[in-house]
C-alpha cells in the first residue's frame, strides 16, 4: 500500500486529480479499514479547492471525506487506543479540516480543529518518532499559531487557551518535512513556499522553492503563478 500511495501523491500536484482519485479509490477498496486511502482522497479534493478558493462546490465533499477518515481512525482506536498511525491520520484530518475553515474565515472552528489536530500530532510523534511526516502538522501549527493572529487580529481572543506558536520553529519543522517526510515532503515544500512568499515576503528564499516546485510540476498553475510573482518581486526590490 505504501508504494501505491507514494506513486499516487505526485499526481495531485501534477493536477491529475481524476487519476489521483482513482488511485486512492483503489487503495480504499483494497484496504477498507485503513485510513490512508480516505485521507489522501480528501487531499485530492483539498487541492481542487486550492485551484479556485472562491468556488465552494467541493467544500461539502471535502468535509464528508474528512469525517469518513476520522470515522475509520476512530474504529481502529476503539480497538487499540495506542495505534500511532490512526492517531496521526486523525490528527492530520482535523488539522486539514481547520485549514479549509481558515480559508473560509470560520475562525472558531479553525482554532478548535487546529488545537485537537496538534494534540494528536504530538501524540503520534511521541508514539512513533520514526514518522517524520508528523513534522508537517507540527510545523504548520507552530508557524500559523503566531502568524494568523498577526494577520487577522480578530482571531487572537479565540486562541488564548492554545499553546503559543513560534514561526521560526514552524519553519524549521517544515524544512525537515521537505527533506525527510515520506508522504508529506511535497506538501511541506508548498507550505514553506507560501510562508516565505506571502507571510515572510522573503522572495530570495521563496524563489528557489518556487523554482523547484514549478520545474517538478509544470502543469500546476499555482506553482507557476507564485514562481513568476517571486521573480517579479525580486526585480522590483
Foldseek 3Di string as FASTA:
>chain_A
DLVLLLVLLVCLLLVVLVVSLVSLVVVCVVVVLALVSLLVNLVSLVSVCVVPVVDCPSVVVSVVSLVVSLVSLVVVCVVPVLPLRSLLSNLVSLQVNLVNCVSVVVQLSNLVSLQSSLVSLVSSCVSPVLQLLSLLSLLVCQQCLPQVCVVVVVNVVSCPPHDHHHNVSSLVSLVSCLVRHSNCNLVSLVVNLCCCVPPVVPLVVNQVSLVVSCVVNVSRVVSVVSNVVSVVSVVVD
